[in-house]
Every structure is written in C-alpha cells, then in structure tokens.
Amino acid sequence: MKHYLLAAAICGLTACGGSDSSPETPTTPPAPAPELTVSQCYVVDTSMGEFTLGIDNTHMPITAANFSRYVADKFYDGTLFHRVANNFVNQGGGFTTGLNAKTTFDPIKNESSVGLKNDRGTIAMARTQISDSATSQFFINIHDNDNLNYPSQGGYAVFGKVVAGMEVVDIMNAVNTTSVQKNGVTFTHVPVEEIVINSITEANCPG
C-alpha cells in the first residue's frame, strides 16, 4: 500500500551543502506566480456538512482534469477524510471506512512548478515522496503552508480553493484524532469518529 503524505522539510531555513566562499552567479528572477482562477465548482457533502470547491482548469489542466475524472467516476463517494492534522491540513479521498484503500487511476505529473501557493483554503494533491505520484488523495490547507510550495520538497500541486463553507473545513480540523495501525502502516491524525465524504458533485459557482 502506498502511504500518501506531506513530507517534512529536511534542510530547514539554511541551504544544503555549498560554501559561503562560492562565487555569486547571475540568476534570472523567477516568473511571477499566476493568480488562482476558478473554472468550475464542486459541492463536497460530508458527514460534518457541505463546502464548495472552485477548481482551476486554466493553470492546472492535468491536476484539475484528474480530480474531475474521479468525481465523474463517483470515486470519492464513501471515502474518508482520513487525516486531520490540527492547524495544518485535512486530507482525504483515498480510503473507505476502516481505512481500506481504493484502487486508483495511474499517477499524474506534478504541476506544482506552475507556482500556485498552498495558502489557507486551497486544495492540493497529496502524494508520496516521489514527485509524480499523486492519484486521488487531496488535502485542504488550514493555514498558509509555505513549506509545501514549489520548489520546497518538490512542491505540492494546488489546483483550487474552498469558495464557500470554509467554516465546515475549520470545524472538521478541530476533531479529536488518534493513530491507527493498518496492514503494517501507522496512520497518524486519524479522526476518532470517521468523517465520510458522502458525495462530490458539480455545481454552479457562488456569485
């Protein structure tokens, strides 16, 4: 079983390797990050209430199409928010009750280099330590998680944001959690009472 995670930063605030005496070389300033745009919306109905996601098909075509494919297949119906890390993220979309993993489509390319930021309320793809390994699992950022932005750790691809119902996401983030052993894997920050995604359906975007 692949264990999808948000990898911890290794080098902290200082650069890894190199020398202070190395000559400086001219660098090209990075292109400014694009503004996240909302192309289509989805209502996420959970056991704790509803919220609405706005997805960016313009800047994140691979990632957005991947999410839409899972929604159209009704893959997410009955899956869990299986990881709720307080003041960090709510992660879900890969397991059914009892932490049973669902079979997914093939992994997708990591589009995090586009530059959309893991700011509060944004939705991004969860993955393993391999950059191009995301499948169905996603997470919602509870705070501005700058350490998840490209190029740090390879970056985690943001492809949308919560456009309505963030209060439900915040309430969800405050539930009691525990650690669970399953098939030799330790799952941390697992809600004591399962949070079920009843359905994700396409909807009109809020005006």
Protein backbone atom coordinates (compact mmCIF):
# COMPACT_ATOMS: atom_id res chain seq x y z
CA MET A 1 0.00 0.00 0.00
CA LYS A 2 1.33 3.44 -0.88
CA HIS A 3 1.27 5.78 2.07
CA TYR A 4 0.49 9.28 0.83
CA LEU A 5 1.94 12.01 2.94
CA LEU A 6 3.21 15.54 3.20
CA ALA A 7 6.97 15.16 3.54
CA ALA A 8 8.78 17.09 6.29
CA ALA A 9 11.32 19.75 5.37
CA ILE A 10 14.89 18.43 5.61
CA CYS A 11 17.15 21.46 5.40
CA GLY A 12 15.25 23.99 7.49
CA LEU A 13 15.96 27.65 6.84
CA THR A 14 19.55 27.23 5.59
CA ALA A 15 20.80 25.94 2.26
CA CYS A 16 22.03 22.37 1.99
CA GLY A 17 25.71 21.96 1.06
CA GLY A 18 27.74 24.58 -0.77
CA SER A 19 30.19 27.08 0.65
CA ASP A 20 29.98 30.71 1.73
CA SER A 21 33.04 31.38 -0.43
CA SER A 22 31.39 30.22 -3.67
CA PRO A 23 31.31 32.98 -6.32
CA GLU A 24 27.95 34.53 -6.99
CA THR A 25 26.44 33.86 -10.38
CA PRO A 26 23.75 35.95 -12.06
CA THR A 27 20.29 34.46 -11.79
CA THR A 28 17.12 35.12 -13.71
CA PRO A 29 14.28 36.25 -11.43
CA PRO A 30 11.50 33.67 -11.33
CA ALA A 31 8.36 34.46 -13.25
CA PRO A 32 5.57 35.76 -11.00
CA ALA A 33 3.16 33.07 -9.85
CA PRO A 34 -0.23 33.16 -11.57
CA GLU A 35 -3.39 34.06 -9.70
CA LEU A 36 -5.59 31.05 -8.98
CA THR A 37 -8.70 31.20 -11.14
CA VAL A 38 -11.94 29.28 -10.64
CA SER A 39 -13.15 27.44 -13.74
CA GLN A 40 -15.74 25.08 -12.25
CA CYS A 41 -17.11 24.23 -8.84
CA TYR A 42 -17.99 21.14 -6.84
CA VAL A 43 -20.06 20.71 -3.69
CA VAL A 44 -18.46 18.33 -1.21
CA ASP A 45 -21.13 16.77 1.01
CA THR A 46 -19.63 15.23 4.15
CA SER A 47 -20.88 13.76 7.42
CA MET A 48 -19.95 17.12 9.01
CA GLY A 49 -21.61 19.40 6.46
CA GLU A 50 -21.06 20.85 2.99
CA PHE A 51 -18.45 23.07 1.42
CA THR A 52 -17.77 24.13 -2.17
CA LEU A 53 -14.51 23.83 -4.10
CA GLY A 54 -13.53 26.00 -7.04
CA ILE A 55 -11.11 24.27 -9.43
CA ASP A 56 -8.54 25.95 -11.70
CA ASN A 57 -8.61 24.23 -15.11
CA THR A 58 -6.65 27.07 -16.72
CA HIS A 59 -3.34 26.90 -14.86
CA MET A 60 -3.56 23.29 -13.62
CA PRO A 61 -5.04 21.32 -16.55
CA ILE A 62 -3.61 17.90 -15.65
CA THR A 63 -4.42 18.10 -11.95
CA ALA A 64 -7.88 19.59 -12.45
CA ALA A 65 -8.80 17.01 -15.10
CA ASN A 66 -7.60 14.23 -12.79
CA PHE A 67 -9.85 15.45 -9.96
CA SER A 68 -12.81 15.85 -12.32
CA ARG A 69 -12.27 12.32 -13.61
CA TYR A 70 -12.51 10.87 -10.10
CA VAL A 71 -15.62 12.96 -9.40
CA ALA A 72 -17.31 11.82 -12.62
CA ASP A 73 -16.49 8.21 -11.71
CA LYS A 74 -18.08 8.78 -8.26
CA PHE A 75 -14.82 7.52 -6.81
CA TYR A 76 -14.95 9.85 -3.83
CA ASP A 77 -18.43 8.82 -2.70
CA GLY A 78 -18.00 6.99 0.61
CA THR A 79 -14.33 7.83 1.08
CA LEU A 80 -12.95 9.47 4.22
CA PHE A 81 -11.09 12.49 5.40
CA HIS A 82 -8.65 10.07 6.97
CA ARG A 83 -6.01 12.57 8.12
CA VAL A 84 -6.86 15.74 10.03
CA ALA A 85 -3.71 17.48 11.25
CA ASN A 86 -4.73 20.35 13.52
CA ASN A 87 -3.85 23.79 12.17
CA PHE A 88 -2.23 22.16 9.11
CA VAL A 89 -4.38 20.16 6.66
CA ASN A 90 -7.47 18.00 6.15
CA GLN A 91 -6.56 15.10 3.84
CA GLY A 92 -8.88 12.61 2.16
CA GLY A 93 -10.06 10.87 -0.97
CA GLY A 94 -8.28 7.54 -0.83
CA PHE A 95 -9.79 5.27 1.83
CA THR A 96 -13.20 3.92 2.76
CA THR A 97 -14.42 3.07 6.25
CA GLY A 98 -11.85 1.16 8.30
CA LEU A 99 -9.01 2.71 6.25
CA ASN A 100 -9.46 0.36 3.33
CA ALA A 101 -7.62 1.73 0.28
CA LYS A 102 -9.44 2.15 -3.03
CA THR A 103 -7.88 1.24 -6.37
CA THR A 104 -6.97 4.42 -8.26
CA PHE A 105 -6.16 5.55 -11.78
CA ASP A 106 -2.50 5.99 -12.76
CA PRO A 107 -0.41 8.72 -11.06
CA ILE A 108 -0.20 12.16 -12.67
CA LYS A 109 2.54 14.68 -13.35
CA ASN A 110 3.22 17.11 -10.52
CA GLU A 111 2.25 20.60 -11.76
CA SER A 112 3.43 22.41 -8.61
CA SER A 113 6.08 24.34 -10.60
CA VAL A 114 3.23 26.47 -12.02
CA GLY A 115 3.54 28.33 -8.73
CA LEU A 116 0.09 28.34 -7.13
CA LYS A 117 0.59 28.67 -3.37
CA ASN A 118 -0.52 26.39 -0.56
CA ASP A 119 -2.40 29.22 1.13
CA ARG A 120 -5.23 28.85 3.61
CA GLY A 121 -8.30 27.32 1.99
CA THR A 122 -6.57 25.97 -1.09
CA ILE A 123 -6.86 22.34 -2.21
CA ALA A 124 -3.77 20.44 -3.34
CA MET A 125 -2.76 16.91 -4.27
CA ALA A 126 -1.27 14.54 -1.70
CA ARG A 127 1.49 12.22 -2.89
CA THR A 128 4.36 10.00 -1.76
CA GLN A 129 7.95 11.24 -1.65
CA ILE A 130 8.04 10.60 -5.42
CA SER A 131 7.11 13.87 -7.13
CA ASP A 132 4.86 12.43 -9.87
CA SER A 133 2.91 10.01 -7.67
CA ALA A 134 -0.40 11.79 -6.90
CA THR A 135 -3.55 9.83 -7.71
CA SER A 136 -6.85 10.52 -5.89
CA GLN A 137 -5.90 11.92 -2.49
CA PHE A 138 -6.08 15.65 -1.84
CA PHE A 139 -5.76 17.98 1.12
CA ILE A 140 -7.13 21.35 2.14
CA ASN A 141 -4.69 23.81 3.70
CA ILE A 142 -5.84 25.23 7.03
CA HIS A 143 -3.08 27.85 7.16
CA ASP A 144 -0.60 29.33 4.67
CA ASN A 145 1.74 26.33 4.37
CA ASP A 146 4.67 27.94 2.56
CA ASN A 147 6.89 24.89 3.17
CA LEU A 148 4.70 22.93 0.72
CA ASN A 149 5.24 25.36 -2.15
CA TYR A 150 7.50 24.63 -5.12
CA PRO A 151 10.45 24.10 -5.12
CA SER A 152 10.48 23.04 -1.44
CA GLN A 153 10.23 19.23 -1.22
CA GLY A 154 9.36 19.18 -4.92
CA GLY A 155 6.18 21.13 -4.21
CA TYR A 156 2.58 20.06 -3.68
CA ALA A 157 0.27 20.96 -6.56
CA VAL A 158 -2.51 23.40 -5.65
CA PHE A 159 -5.42 23.23 -8.11
CA GLY A 160 -8.28 25.06 -6.45
CA LYS A 161 -9.70 26.55 -3.27
CA VAL A 162 -12.68 26.48 -0.96
CA VAL A 163 -15.10 29.12 -2.26
CA ALA A 164 -17.90 28.51 0.26
CA GLY A 165 -18.19 26.67 3.57
CA MET A 166 -14.68 27.16 4.95
CA GLU A 167 -16.27 27.16 8.40
CA VAL A 168 -17.12 23.47 7.88
CA VAL A 169 -13.49 22.75 6.95
CA ASP A 170 -12.32 24.55 10.10
CA ILE A 171 -14.73 22.64 12.35
CA MET A 172 -13.54 19.42 10.75
CA ASN A 173 -9.94 20.35 11.54
CA ALA A 174 -10.72 20.56 15.27
CA VAL A 175 -11.96 16.98 15.77
CA ASN A 176 -10.22 14.52 18.06
CA THR A 177 -7.71 12.27 16.31
CA THR A 178 -5.66 9.17 17.06
CA SER A 179 -3.06 6.86 15.49
CA VAL A 180 -4.14 3.62 13.80
CA GLN A 181 -2.15 0.58 12.68
CA LYS A 182 -3.35 -0.94 9.41
CA ASN A 183 -1.51 -3.59 7.35
CA GLY A 184 1.81 -2.66 8.93
CA VAL A 185 1.34 1.07 8.30
CA THR A 186 0.86 3.65 11.05
CA PHE A 187 -1.74 6.27 10.16
CA THR A 188 -1.49 9.43 12.26
CA HIS A 189 -4.07 12.18 12.86
CA VAL A 190 -6.96 9.80 12.10
CA PRO A 191 -10.33 11.21 13.26
CA VAL A 192 -11.70 9.19 16.17
CA GLU A 193 -15.14 9.43 14.56
CA GLU A 194 -14.91 8.84 10.81
CA ILE A 195 -15.52 11.84 8.56
CA VAL A 196 -17.22 10.49 5.43
CA ILE A 197 -17.39 12.17 2.03
CA ASN A 198 -20.93 11.32 1.02
CA SER A 199 -20.55 12.76 -2.46
CA ILE A 200 -18.78 15.32 -4.60
CA THR A 201 -20.97 16.81 -7.32
CA GLU A 202 -20.52 19.54 -9.92
CA ALA A 203 -22.39 22.74 -9.08
CA ASN A 204 -22.74 26.39 -10.02
CA CYS A 205 -20.01 28.57 -8.58
CA PRO A 206 -21.07 31.12 -5.95
CA GLY A 207 -21.71 34.57 -7.41
